[in-house]
């Protein structure tokens, strides 16, 4: 239903899209449906900056709390979008998580070597550091930091795996790889919801992480997918899929 609404929304002119967000039938949707619609719409390509800013503002008004999602828009070329994203990130400032933005910005200002130590110290000292805060460091183009986060979220007793899954779409390749690895380490069945897309991912590392994740799941459920990956165009992926099939 939501995908159909978004497809229809995409046929409208930007001015009409802005009107739609303030009128029926959008307002007649349940709150959860409006949130899902906005999330799906905002990740579409070729959406005008005004509509993106309005969508972020509406998500904030709906009290949607996912800093990782909003942080995707901090590098947007339009300042109105960046401002809307920052307001959404700051909306949930309360004790225990208000430190999210402060901690992230403090660590971000460190040089590459000190940044790793700062993240490690944060993880060691804050066993309850929020998932949003940890996920925010996956954005860093720093393998050592990503490995720290992967290890922490893989081994936590409880993690919102659905939230992890929802971060994968339209993320850069190393975030996709990291989250697939985390879900695999946790033996999450949610992997099967996105597996078809991941099998055809353009990035080799994403496919290799997927093969590693599948090796930890039920053999009968994964062998068909691994068999498909043995026909991949990339030799490394083909060989790893074949080795995994023979091993499980």
Protein backbone atom coordinates (compact mmCIF):
# COMPACT_ATOMS: atom_id res chain seq x y z
CA UNK A 1 0.00 0.00 0.00
CA UNK A 2 2.69 2.50 1.05
CA UNK A 3 4.83 1.83 -2.02
CA UNK A 4 1.79 2.40 -4.23
CA UNK A 5 1.07 5.71 -2.51
CA UNK A 6 4.68 6.80 -2.95
CA UNK A 7 4.61 5.82 -6.64
CA UNK A 8 1.50 7.91 -7.14
CA UNK A 9 3.06 10.76 -5.13
CA UNK A 10 6.09 10.75 -7.45
CA UNK A 11 3.86 11.53 -10.44
CA UNK A 12 2.82 14.86 -8.89
CA UNK A 13 4.54 18.20 -9.39
CA UNK A 14 6.58 19.47 -6.38
CA UNK A 15 3.95 22.12 -5.58
CA UNK A 16 1.23 19.46 -5.53
CA UNK A 17 3.42 17.17 -3.43
CA UNK A 18 3.69 19.89 -0.76
CA UNK A 19 -0.07 20.32 -0.76
CA UNK A 20 -0.56 16.55 -0.48
CA UNK A 21 1.47 16.44 2.77
CA UNK A 22 -0.98 18.91 4.37
CA UNK A 23 -4.28 17.48 3.15
CA UNK A 24 -6.30 14.32 2.67
CA UNK A 25 -5.71 11.47 1.94
CA UNK A 26 -2.29 11.76 3.63
CA UNK A 27 -3.72 13.09 6.90
CA UNK A 28 -6.29 10.30 7.00
CA UNK A 29 -3.55 7.66 7.20
CA UNK A 30 -2.70 6.15 10.56
CA UNK A 31 0.31 7.76 12.20
CA UNK A 32 2.50 4.71 11.59
CA UNK A 33 1.50 4.71 7.92
CA UNK A 34 2.33 8.40 7.56
CA UNK A 35 5.76 7.76 9.04
CA UNK A 36 6.41 4.82 6.70
CA UNK A 37 5.21 6.88 3.74
CA UNK A 38 7.53 9.76 4.59
CA UNK A 39 10.53 7.50 5.12
CA UNK A 40 9.93 5.77 1.79
CA UNK A 41 9.29 9.06 -0.02
CA UNK A 42 12.38 10.78 1.37
CA UNK A 43 14.64 8.02 0.08
CA UNK A 44 13.39 8.40 -3.48
CA UNK A 45 15.62 10.06 -6.03
CA UNK A 46 14.78 13.37 -7.71
CA UNK A 47 12.55 14.67 -4.87
CA UNK A 48 12.73 18.47 -4.71
CA UNK A 49 14.55 20.09 -1.79
CA UNK A 50 11.39 21.85 -0.61
CA UNK A 51 9.52 18.56 -0.44
CA UNK A 52 12.42 16.88 1.38
CA UNK A 53 12.57 19.68 3.97
CA UNK A 54 8.79 19.50 4.42
CA UNK A 55 8.92 15.72 4.79
CA UNK A 56 11.63 15.93 7.45
CA UNK A 57 9.65 18.58 9.32
CA UNK A 58 6.55 16.38 9.24
CA UNK A 59 8.51 13.38 10.51
CA UNK A 60 9.78 15.52 13.37
CA UNK A 61 6.25 16.65 14.21
CA UNK A 62 5.20 12.99 14.26
CA UNK A 63 7.93 12.45 16.90
CA UNK A 64 9.77 9.96 14.71
CA UNK A 65 13.01 9.16 16.54
CA UNK A 66 15.78 7.84 14.38
CA UNK A 67 18.84 10.09 14.34
CA UNK A 68 20.66 7.79 11.94
CA UNK A 69 17.92 8.30 9.36
CA UNK A 70 17.97 12.09 9.75
CA UNK A 71 21.77 12.25 9.63
CA UNK A 72 21.63 11.07 6.00
CA UNK A 73 20.42 14.55 5.09
CA UNK A 74 23.13 16.57 6.85
CA UNK A 75 25.22 16.66 3.69
CA UNK A 76 22.36 17.73 1.46
CA UNK A 77 23.29 20.67 -0.83
CA UNK A 78 20.18 22.64 0.15
CA UNK A 79 20.51 24.44 3.49
CA UNK A 80 16.77 24.18 4.22
CA UNK A 81 17.07 20.39 4.20
CA UNK A 82 20.13 20.46 6.47
CA UNK A 83 18.34 22.74 8.93
CA UNK A 84 15.28 20.47 8.97
CA UNK A 85 17.49 17.43 9.59
CA UNK A 86 19.35 19.14 12.44
CA UNK A 87 16.10 20.14 14.12
CA UNK A 88 14.89 16.56 13.87
CA UNK A 89 18.14 15.26 15.36
CA UNK A 90 17.87 17.67 18.29
CA UNK A 91 14.19 16.98 18.96
CA UNK A 92 14.80 14.12 21.34
CA UNK A 93 17.40 15.70 23.58
CA UNK A 94 16.87 14.17 27.02
CA UNK A 95 19.18 12.84 29.71
CA UNK A 96 20.85 9.61 28.75
CA UNK A 97 20.61 10.38 25.04
CA UNK A 98 21.06 14.14 24.93
CA UNK A 99 24.70 13.36 24.95
CA UNK A 100 24.22 11.74 21.53
CA UNK A 101 24.97 14.82 19.46
CA UNK A 102 27.47 16.25 21.93
CA UNK A 103 29.44 12.99 22.17
CA UNK A 104 29.34 12.43 18.42
CA UNK A 105 30.57 15.94 17.65
CA UNK A 106 33.34 15.76 20.27
CA UNK A 107 34.62 12.47 18.87
CA UNK A 108 34.27 13.70 15.31
CA UNK A 109 36.65 16.59 16.04
CA UNK A 110 39.45 14.20 17.01
CA UNK A 111 42.07 13.20 14.46
CA UNK A 112 41.82 9.72 12.92
CA UNK A 113 43.95 7.91 15.51
CA UNK A 114 42.42 9.64 18.54
CA UNK A 115 38.92 9.14 17.15
CA UNK A 116 39.31 5.36 17.27
CA UNK A 117 40.48 5.52 20.89
CA UNK A 118 37.60 7.86 21.77
CA UNK A 119 34.99 5.52 20.30
CA UNK A 120 36.61 2.52 22.02
CA UNK A 121 36.59 4.33 25.35
CA UNK A 122 32.95 5.31 24.87
CA UNK A 123 31.98 1.69 24.20
CA UNK A 124 34.03 0.39 27.14
CA UNK A 125 32.59 2.95 29.56
CA UNK A 126 29.01 3.18 28.28
CA UNK A 127 27.63 -0.34 28.04
CA UNK A 128 24.21 1.23 27.44
CA UNK A 129 25.31 3.67 24.73
CA UNK A 130 22.32 4.05 22.43
CA UNK A 131 22.12 2.14 19.18
CA UNK A 132 21.65 5.45 17.37
CA UNK A 133 24.95 6.72 18.73
CA UNK A 134 26.79 3.55 17.77
CA UNK A 135 25.20 3.46 14.32
CA UNK A 136 26.27 7.04 13.71
CA UNK A 137 29.89 5.91 13.75
CA UNK A 138 29.31 3.44 10.94
CA UNK A 139 29.14 6.50 8.71
CA UNK A 140 32.84 7.08 9.37
CA UNK A 141 35.12 5.91 6.58
CA UNK A 142 37.31 4.19 9.17
CA UNK A 143 37.49 0.40 9.18
CA UNK A 144 38.78 0.09 12.75
CA UNK A 145 35.90 2.17 14.12
CA UNK A 146 33.34 0.20 12.10
CA UNK A 147 34.80 -3.05 13.43
CA UNK A 148 34.36 -1.76 16.99
CA UNK A 149 30.70 -0.95 16.33
CA UNK A 150 30.10 -4.25 14.53
CA UNK A 151 31.55 -6.16 17.48
CA UNK A 152 29.50 -4.24 20.03
CA UNK A 153 26.17 -4.55 18.22
CA UNK A 154 26.82 -8.17 17.28
CA UNK A 155 27.33 -9.20 20.90
CA UNK A 156 24.72 -7.09 22.69
CA UNK A 157 22.06 -9.15 24.38
CA UNK A 158 19.23 -7.07 22.92
CA UNK A 159 19.33 -4.94 19.78
CA UNK A 160 16.54 -3.54 17.64
CA UNK A 161 17.39 -5.62 14.57
CA UNK A 162 14.54 -4.09 12.60
CA UNK A 163 16.13 -0.67 13.06
CA UNK A 164 19.41 -2.06 11.75
CA UNK A 165 17.69 -3.53 8.72
CA UNK A 166 16.00 -0.23 7.92
CA UNK A 167 19.36 1.56 7.74
CA UNK A 168 20.66 -0.54 4.85
CA UNK A 169 18.69 0.90 1.96
CA UNK A 170 20.53 3.68 0.11
CA UNK A 171 23.44 3.56 2.56
CA UNK A 172 27.01 3.64 1.29
CA UNK A 173 28.54 0.22 0.70
CA UNK A 174 30.56 -0.01 3.91
CA UNK A 175 27.49 0.70 6.03
CA UNK A 176 25.55 -1.97 4.15
CA UNK A 177 28.40 -4.42 4.70
CA UNK A 178 28.67 -3.63 8.41
CA UNK A 179 24.95 -4.01 9.09
CA UNK A 180 24.72 -7.26 7.11
CA UNK A 181 27.65 -8.57 9.14
CA UNK A 182 25.95 -7.58 12.41
CA UNK A 183 22.67 -9.26 11.43
CA UNK A 184 24.58 -12.36 10.35
CA UNK A 185 26.50 -12.51 13.62
CA UNK A 186 23.18 -12.27 15.44
CA UNK A 187 21.73 -15.01 13.19
CA UNK A 188 18.84 -12.70 12.37
CA UNK A 189 16.07 -14.10 10.19
CA UNK A 190 15.42 -10.53 9.00
CA UNK A 191 18.21 -11.05 6.48
CA UNK A 192 15.77 -12.93 4.27
CA UNK A 193 13.64 -9.80 3.87
CA UNK A 194 16.36 -8.01 1.88
CA UNK A 195 18.35 -10.93 0.55
CA UNK A 196 17.24 -10.61 -3.08
CA UNK A 197 18.50 -7.02 -3.27
CA UNK A 198 21.77 -7.84 -1.51
CA UNK A 199 22.49 -10.73 -3.87
CA UNK A 200 22.49 -8.21 -6.72
CA UNK A 201 24.37 -5.47 -4.89
CA UNK A 202 27.00 -3.79 -7.06
CA UNK A 203 29.60 -3.94 -4.29
CA UNK A 204 31.65 -7.12 -3.89
CA UNK A 205 32.25 -6.65 -0.15
CA UNK A 206 28.50 -6.46 0.46
CA UNK A 207 28.03 -9.82 -1.29
CA UNK A 208 30.91 -11.39 0.63
CA UNK A 209 29.45 -10.18 3.94
CA UNK A 210 26.11 -11.63 2.84
CA UNK A 211 27.73 -15.02 2.18
CA UNK A 212 29.32 -14.90 5.62
CA UNK A 213 25.95 -14.07 7.18
CA UNK A 214 24.21 -16.89 5.33
CA UNK A 215 26.79 -19.37 6.59
CA UNK A 216 25.42 -18.80 10.10
CA UNK A 217 21.79 -19.49 9.21
CA UNK A 218 19.73 -22.60 8.53
CA UNK A 219 21.31 -24.58 5.69
CA UNK A 220 18.04 -25.50 4.02
CA UNK A 221 16.97 -21.84 3.85
CA UNK A 222 20.24 -20.49 2.54
CA UNK A 223 21.55 -23.09 0.11
CA UNK A 224 19.36 -21.86 -2.78
CA UNK A 225 20.64 -18.31 -2.31
CA UNK A 226 24.23 -19.50 -2.08
CA UNK A 227 23.73 -21.53 -5.23
CA UNK A 228 22.63 -18.36 -7.03
CA UNK A 229 25.73 -16.56 -5.78
CA UNK A 230 27.96 -19.27 -7.30
CA UNK A 231 26.87 -17.81 -10.64
CA UNK A 232 27.89 -14.27 -9.72
CA UNK A 233 29.87 -12.30 -12.29
CA UNK A 234 32.66 -11.64 -9.80
CA UNK A 235 35.11 -14.55 -9.38
CA UNK A 236 35.76 -13.88 -5.68
CA UNK A 237 32.05 -13.99 -4.87
CA UNK A 238 31.57 -17.20 -6.90
CA UNK A 239 34.43 -18.97 -5.15
CA UNK A 240 33.37 -17.89 -1.66
CA UNK A 241 29.77 -18.96 -2.28
CA UNK A 242 30.96 -22.36 -3.52
CA UNK A 243 33.29 -22.84 -0.52
CA UNK A 244 30.48 -21.92 1.85
CA UNK A 245 28.06 -24.32 0.17
CA UNK A 246 30.55 -27.16 0.57
CA UNK A 247 31.22 -26.27 4.21
CA UNK A 248 27.72 -25.82 5.66
